[in-house]
C-alpha atoms as a PDB file:
ATOM      1  CA  LEU A   1     -36.258  -7.492  31.002  1.00  0.00           C
ATOM      2  CA  GLY A   2     -35.782 -10.206  33.604  1.00  0.00           C
ATOM      3  CA  ILE A   3     -38.154 -12.546  31.781  1.00  0.00           C
ATOM      4  CA  VAL A   4     -36.447 -11.925  28.444  1.00  0.00           C
ATOM      5  CA  GLY A   5     -33.027 -12.430  30.051  1.00  0.00           C
ATOM      6  CA  LEU A   6     -34.221 -15.702  31.587  1.00  0.00           C
ATOM      7  CA  ALA A   7     -35.610 -16.846  28.236  1.00  0.00           C
ATOM      8  CA  LEU A   8     -32.332 -16.018  26.504  1.00  0.00           C
ATOM      9  CA  ALA A   9     -30.225 -17.725  29.180  1.00  0.00           C
ATOM     10  CA  LEU A  10     -32.295 -20.923  29.079  1.00  0.00           C
ATOM     11  CA  ARG A  11     -32.034 -21.046  25.306  1.00  0.00           C
ATOM     12  CA  THR A  12     -28.368 -20.151  24.825  1.00  0.00           C
ATOM     13  CA  TYR A  13     -26.514 -21.606  27.818  1.00  0.00           C
ATOM     14  CA  ALA A  14     -24.130 -24.316  26.528  1.00  0.00           C
ATOM     15  CA  LEU A  15     -25.952 -24.206  23.181  1.00  0.00           C
ATOM     16  CA  GLY A  16     -23.342 -26.420  21.535  1.00  0.00           C
ATOM     17  CA  GLU A  17     -23.817 -29.172  24.110  1.00  0.00           C
ATOM     18  CA  PRO A  18     -24.186 -32.016  23.647  1.00  0.00           C
ATOM     19  CA  PRO A  19     -21.646 -31.809  20.847  1.00  0.00           C
ATOM     20  CA  MET A  20     -23.662 -34.127  18.626  1.00  0.00           C
ATOM     21  CA  LEU A  21     -26.660 -33.676  16.400  1.00  0.00           C
ATOM     22  CA  GLY A  22     -29.755 -35.757  15.853  1.00  0.00           C
ATOM     23  CA  GLY A  23     -30.528 -36.877  12.312  1.00  0.00           C
ATOM     24  CA  ASP A  24     -33.066 -34.160  11.547  1.00  0.00           C
ATOM     25  CA  GLU A  25     -30.904 -31.429  13.006  1.00  0.00           C
ATOM     26  CA  ALA A  26     -27.831 -32.657  11.101  1.00  0.00           C
ATOM     27  CA  GLY A  27     -29.768 -32.906   7.829  1.00  0.00           C
ATOM     28  CA  TRP A  28     -31.118 -29.420   8.371  1.00  0.00           C
ATOM     29  CA  GLY A  29     -27.594 -28.142   8.974  1.00  0.00           C
ATOM     30  CA  VAL A  30     -26.147 -29.823   5.899  1.00  0.00           C
ATOM     31  CA  PHE A  31     -28.862 -28.338   3.700  1.00  0.00           C
ATOM     32  CA  ALA A  32     -28.427 -24.874   5.249  1.00  0.00           C
ATOM     33  CA  ARG A  33     -24.672 -25.113   4.777  1.00  0.00           C
ATOM     34  CA  GLY A  34     -25.263 -25.855   1.095  1.00  0.00           C
ATOM     35  CA  ILE A  35     -27.411 -22.730   0.862  1.00  0.00           C
ATOM     36  CA  SER A  36     -24.672 -20.610   2.444  1.00  0.00           C
ATOM     37  CA  SER A  37     -22.360 -21.857  -0.314  1.00  0.00           C
ATOM     38  CA  GLY A  38     -24.825 -20.484  -2.868  1.00  0.00           C
ATOM     39  CA  GLY A  39     -27.907 -21.808  -4.611  1.00  0.00           C
ATOM     40  CA  GLY A  40     -31.509 -22.643  -3.931  1.00  0.00           C
ATOM     41  CA  ASN A  41     -34.798 -20.793  -3.803  1.00  0.00           C
ATOM     42  CA  PRO A  42     -35.937 -19.330  -0.451  1.00  0.00           C
ATOM     43  CA  PHE A  43     -39.585 -19.734  -1.443  1.00  0.00           C
ATOM     44  CA  GLY A  44     -39.158 -23.270  -2.747  1.00  0.00           C
ATOM     45  CA  PHE A  45     -38.718 -26.531  -0.919  1.00  0.00           C
ATOM     46  CA  GLY A  46     -35.702 -27.550   1.080  1.00  0.00           C
ATOM     47  CA  TRP A  47     -34.544 -30.555   3.018  1.00  0.00           C
ATOM     48  CA  TYR A  48     -37.083 -33.406   2.834  1.00  0.00           C
ATOM     49  CA  GLY A  49     -39.555 -31.156   1.062  1.00  0.00           C
ATOM     50  CA  TRP A  50     -39.964 -28.692   3.957  1.00  0.00           C
ATOM     51  CA  PRO A  51     -40.416 -25.018   3.095  1.00  0.00           C
ATOM     52  CA  ALA A  52     -36.949 -23.546   2.541  1.00  0.00           C
ATOM     53  CA  LEU A  53     -37.151 -20.019   3.980  1.00  0.00           C
ATOM     54  CA  GLY A  54     -36.274 -21.138   7.508  1.00  0.00           C
ATOM     55  CA  GLU A  55     -33.191 -22.851   6.186  1.00  0.00           C
ATOM     56  CA  TYR A  56     -32.059 -19.538   4.729  1.00  0.00           C
ATOM     57  CA  VAL A  57     -32.190 -18.022   8.230  1.00  0.00           C
ATOM     58  CA  THR A  58     -30.027 -20.906   9.448  1.00  0.00           C
ATOM     59  CA  ALA A  59     -27.701 -20.488   6.456  1.00  0.00           C
ATOM     60  CA  LEU A  60     -27.209 -16.828   7.354  1.00  0.00           C
ATOM     61  CA  SER A  61     -26.301 -17.825  10.904  1.00  0.00           C
ATOM     62  CA  LEU A  62     -23.839 -20.433   9.633  1.00  0.00           C
ATOM     63  CA  ARG A  63     -22.290 -17.876   7.303  1.00  0.00           C
ATOM     64  CA  VAL A  64     -21.806 -15.388  10.169  1.00  0.00           C
ATOM     65  CA  GLN A  65     -20.736 -17.865  12.879  1.00  0.00           C
ATOM     66  CA  GLY A  66     -19.197 -20.603  10.815  1.00  0.00           C
ATOM     67  CA  ALA A  67     -20.334 -24.197  10.477  1.00  0.00           C
ATOM     68  CA  THR A  68     -20.739 -24.794  14.211  1.00  0.00           C
ATOM     69  CA  ILE A  69     -23.423 -26.375  16.337  1.00  0.00           C
ATOM     70  CA  GLU A  70     -24.014 -22.993  17.957  1.00  0.00           C
ATOM     71  CA  GLY A  71     -24.397 -21.390  14.523  1.00  0.00           C
ATOM     72  CA  LEU A  72     -26.959 -24.036  13.602  1.00  0.00           C
ATOM     73  CA  ARG A  73     -28.968 -23.642  16.810  1.00  0.00           C
ATOM     74  CA  LEU A  74     -28.774 -19.882  17.420  1.00  0.00           C
ATOM     75  CA  PRO A  75     -31.655 -18.819  15.101  1.00  0.00           C
ATOM     76  CA  SER A  76     -34.055 -21.083  17.025  1.00  0.00           C
ATOM     77  CA  ALA A  77     -32.748 -19.786  20.367  1.00  0.00           C
ATOM     78  CA  LEU A  78     -33.293 -16.191  19.277  1.00  0.00           C
ATOM     79  CA  ALA A  79     -36.749 -16.962  17.853  1.00  0.00           C
ATOM     80  CA  GLY A  80     -37.760 -18.639  21.114  1.00  0.00           C
ATOM     81  CA  THR A  81     -36.483 -15.692  23.143  1.00  0.00           C
ATOM     82  CA  LEU A  82     -38.303 -13.219  20.909  1.00  0.00           C
ATOM     83  CA  THR A  83     -41.478 -15.289  21.271  1.00  0.00           C
ATOM     84  CA  ALA A  84     -41.288 -15.059  25.067  1.00  0.00           C
ATOM     85  CA  ALA A  85     -40.642 -11.301  24.850  1.00  0.00           C
ATOM     86  CA  ILE A  86     -43.658 -10.689  22.609  1.00  0.00           C
ATOM     87  CA  VAL A  87     -45.890 -12.914  24.765  1.00  0.00           C
ATOM     88  CA  TRP A  88     -44.811 -10.888  27.796  1.00  0.00           C
ATOM     89  CA  ALA A  89     -45.420  -7.532  26.067  1.00  0.00           C
ATOM     90  CA  TYR A  90     -48.755  -8.604  24.569  1.00  0.00           C
ATOM     91  CA  GLY A  91     -49.849 -10.107  27.868  1.00  0.00           C
ATOM     92  CA  ALA A  92     -48.990  -6.876  29.683  1.00  0.00           C
ATOM     93  CA  ARG A  93     -50.953  -4.878  27.123  1.00  0.00           C
ATOM     94  CA  THR A  94     -54.062  -7.027  27.302  1.00  0.00           C
ATOM     95  CA  MET A  95     -54.001  -8.384  30.875  1.00  0.00           C
ATOM     96  CA  GLY A  96     -51.940  -5.866  32.842  1.00  0.00           C
ATOM     97  CA  ARG A  97     -48.425  -6.120  34.198  1.00  0.00           C
ATOM     98  CA  PHE A  98     -49.069  -9.171  36.366  1.00  0.00           C
ATOM     99  CA  GLY A  99     -50.833 -11.051  33.568  1.00  0.00           C
ATOM    100  CA  GLY A 100     -48.037 -10.185  31.158  1.00  0.00           C
ATOM    101  CA  ALA A 101     -45.412 -11.338  33.637  1.00  0.00           C
ATOM    102  CA  VAL A 102     -47.156 -14.680  34.138  1.00  0.00           C
ATOM    103  CA  ALA A 103     -47.650 -15.202  30.401  1.00  0.00           C
ATOM    104  CA  GLY A 104     -44.050 -14.218  29.665  1.00  0.00           C
ATOM    105  CA  LEU A 105     -42.699 -16.460  32.410  1.00  0.00           C
ATOM    106  CA  VAL A 106     -44.682 -19.414  31.106  1.00  0.00           C
ATOM    107  CA  ALA A 107     -43.436 -18.774  27.554  1.00  0.00           C
ATOM    108  CA  ALA A 108     -39.878 -18.333  28.780  1.00  0.00           C
ATOM    109  CA  THR A 109     -39.754 -21.529  30.849  1.00  0.00           C
ATOM    110  CA  THR A 110     -42.095 -24.098  29.287  1.00  0.00           C
ATOM    111  CA  ILE A 111     -39.885 -27.138  28.822  1.00  0.00           C
ATOM    112  CA  LEU A 112     -41.053 -28.041  25.307  1.00  0.00           C
ATOM    113  CA  HIS A 113     -40.603 -24.483  24.079  1.00  0.00           C
ATOM    114  CA  VAL A 114     -37.140 -24.264  25.636  1.00  0.00           C
ATOM    115  CA  HIS A 115     -36.233 -27.641  24.112  1.00  0.00           C
ATOM    116  CA  LEU A 116     -37.391 -26.672  20.617  1.00  0.00           C
ATOM    117  CA  SER A 117     -35.600 -23.335  20.984  1.00  0.00           C
ATOM    118  CA  ARG A 118     -32.338 -25.208  21.516  1.00  0.00           C
ATOM    119  CA  GLN A 119     -32.637 -27.320  18.357  1.00  0.00           C
ATOM    120  CA  GLY A 120     -31.188 -26.474  14.971  1.00  0.00           C
ATOM    121  CA  PHE A 121     -34.400 -26.532  12.974  1.00  0.00           C
ATOM    122  CA  GLN A 122     -37.403 -24.284  12.485  1.00  0.00           C
ATOM    123  CA  ASN A 123     -40.209 -25.742  14.607  1.00  0.00           C
ATOM    124  CA  VAL A 124     -40.016 -22.976  17.214  1.00  0.00           C
ATOM    125  CA  PHE A 125     -40.627 -20.257  14.630  1.00  0.00           C
ATOM    126  CA  ASP A 126     -44.322 -21.227  14.535  1.00  0.00           C
ATOM    127  CA  GLY A 127     -44.852 -19.891  18.047  1.00  0.00           C
ATOM    128  CA  LEU A 128     -43.145 -16.648  17.088  1.00  0.00           C
ATOM    129  CA  PHE A 129     -45.287 -16.183  13.996  1.00  0.00           C
ATOM    130  CA  ALA A 130     -48.450 -17.147  15.881  1.00  0.00           C
ATOM    131  CA  ILE A 131     -48.012 -14.501  18.567  1.00  0.00           C
ATOM    132  CA  VAL A 132     -46.989 -11.852  16.017  1.00  0.00           C
ATOM    133  CA  VAL A 133     -50.042 -12.591  13.852  1.00  0.00           C
ATOM    134  CA  LEU A 134     -52.554 -12.693  16.711  1.00  0.00           C
ATOM    135  CA  ALA A 135     -51.130  -9.719  18.638  1.00  0.00           C
ATOM    136  CA  ALA A 136     -50.898  -7.570  15.495  1.00  0.00           C
ATOM    137  CA  LEU A 137     -54.399  -8.584  14.393  1.00  0.00           C
ATOM    138  CA  GLU A 138     -55.955  -7.832  17.787  1.00  0.00           C
ATOM    139  CA  ARG A 139     -54.239  -4.474  18.073  1.00  0.00           C
ATOM    140  CA  ALA A 140     -55.008  -3.579  14.442  1.00  0.00           C
ATOM    141  CA  TRP A 141     -58.655  -4.380  15.066  1.00  0.00           C
ATOM    142  CA  SER A 142     -58.917  -2.454  18.328  1.00  0.00           C
ATOM    143  CA  GLU A 143     -57.012   0.622  17.077  1.00  0.00           C
ATOM    144  CA  SER A 144     -58.085   0.514  13.390  1.00  0.00           C
ATOM    145  CA  ARG A 145     -54.455   0.473  12.289  1.00  0.00           C
ATOM    146  CA  ARG A 146     -53.796  -0.560   8.718  1.00  0.00           C
ATOM    147  CA  ASP A 147     -50.046  -1.017   9.302  1.00  0.00           C
ATOM    148  CA  LEU A 148     -50.733  -3.710  11.903  1.00  0.00           C
ATOM    149  CA  PHE A 149     -53.194  -5.489   9.613  1.00  0.00           C
ATOM    150  CA  ILE A 150     -50.394  -5.528   7.023  1.00  0.00           C
ATOM    151  CA  LEU A 151     -47.928  -6.849   9.633  1.00  0.00           C
ATOM    152  CA  ALA A 152     -50.370  -9.617  10.603  1.00  0.00           C
ATOM    153  CA  GLY A 153     -50.886 -10.588   6.970  1.00  0.00           C
ATOM    154  CA  ALA A 154     -47.176 -10.516   6.185  1.00  0.00           C
ATOM    155  CA  ALA A 155     -46.335 -12.642   9.221  1.00  0.00           C
ATOM    156  CA  LEU A 156     -49.100 -15.081   8.268  1.00  0.00           C
ATOM    157  CA  ALA A 157     -47.710 -15.358   4.742  1.00  0.00           C
ATOM    158  CA  ILE A 158     -44.071 -15.712   5.806  1.00  0.00           C
ATOM    159  CA  ALA A 159     -45.020 -18.365   8.390  1.00  0.00           C
ATOM    160  CA  GLN A 160     -46.182 -20.607   5.550  1.00  0.00           C
ATOM    161  CA  HIS A 161     -42.556 -20.777   4.373  1.00  0.00           C
ATOM    162  CA  PHE A 162     -41.133 -21.971   7.690  1.00  0.00           C
ATOM    163  CA  TYR A 163     -42.790 -25.066   9.134  1.00  0.00           C
ATOM    164  CA  ALA A 164     -45.742 -27.164   8.012  1.00  0.00           C
ATOM    165  CA  SER A 165     -47.845 -26.649  11.139  1.00  0.00           C
ATOM    166  CA  ALA A 166     -48.192 -22.973  10.168  1.00  0.00           C
ATOM    167  CA  ARG A 167     -50.651 -24.132   7.525  1.00  0.00           C
ATOM    168  CA  VAL A 168     -53.319 -24.164  10.224  1.00  0.00           C
ATOM    169  CA  PHE A 169     -52.736 -20.457  11.031  1.00  0.00           C
ATOM    170  CA  PRO A 170     -55.301 -19.153   8.514  1.00  0.00           C
ATOM    171  CA  ILE A 171     -57.979 -21.244  10.254  1.00  0.00           C
ATOM    172  CA  ILE A 172     -56.885 -19.900  13.650  1.00  0.00           C
ATOM    173  CA  VAL A 173     -56.951 -16.344  12.285  1.00  0.00           C
ATOM    174  CA  LEU A 174     -60.485 -16.840  10.958  1.00  0.00           C
ATOM    175  CA  GLY A 175     -61.597 -18.100  14.366  1.00  0.00           C
ATOM    176  CA  PHE A 176     -59.846 -15.201  16.085  1.00  0.00           C
ATOM    177  CA  LYS A 177     -61.447 -12.723  13.710  1.00  0.00           C
ATOM    178  CA  GLY A 178     -64.832 -14.328  14.291  1.00  0.00           C
ATOM    179  CA  ALA A 179     -64.364 -13.907  18.042  1.00  0.00           C
ATOM    180  CA  LEU A 180     -63.448 -10.236  17.561  1.00  0.00           C
ATOM    181  CA  VAL A 181     -66.512  -9.653  15.405  1.00  0.00           C
ATOM    182  CA  ASP A 182     -68.685 -11.419  17.988  1.00  0.00           C
ATOM    183  CA  LEU A 183     -67.287  -9.229  20.772  1.00  0.00           C
ATOM    184  CA  ALA A 184     -67.918  -6.114  18.681  1.00  0.00           C
ATOM    185  CA  VAL A 185     -71.517  -7.168  18.007  1.00  0.00           C
ATOM    186  CA  GLN A 186     -72.084  -7.878  21.714  1.00  0.00           C
ATOM    187  CA  LYS A 187     -70.647  -4.471  22.583  1.00  0.00           C
ATOM    188  CA  LEU A 188     -73.083  -2.758  20.186  1.00  0.00           C
ATOM    189  CA  GLY A 189     -76.052  -4.536  21.696  1.00  0.00           C
ATOM    190  CA  PRO A 190     -79.229  -5.691  19.948  1.00  0.00           C
ATOM    191  CA  ILE A 191     -80.267  -3.944  16.759  1.00  0.00           C
ATOM    192  CA  SER A 192     -83.725  -2.389  17.066  1.00  0.00           C
END
């Protein structure tokens, strides 16, 4: 809980400061505010042709908190915090408590991740989707759990509607799956 609390504090402290927005962040906010007034397609394209689903998350935040800088930035702060929490939990599951603590601490405090988590656009969601997809896929594979394969596939599909860099996720998943298959073959030993 300390790592998650640290991640949340780093991402939400003085979230409305500085009280100005960069061009991309402001454009993102204006588009999301238009969505909260009604209209659009969550699975279409949004501001500057980016996938629109992430803007719907921001629009929901603006609807709940009002058209504020904090309302614009909070979804990214929460996504970044959740990313650090899942990295910590997955690290603890696969590498023990110490390994999980180190992985979670790195995710919670890496300056670029903290910076992107404090911005009012969707870049930081890629890290969240990446860890959800890979952790669910690994656990589904090791425990033969269909529900986790479905979670991995759903997260992979939804990620495509957030930020463009998620388009590389299917290639990463294929590589990850190949590594899992290779490990399974090595575990079985040579076929006689």
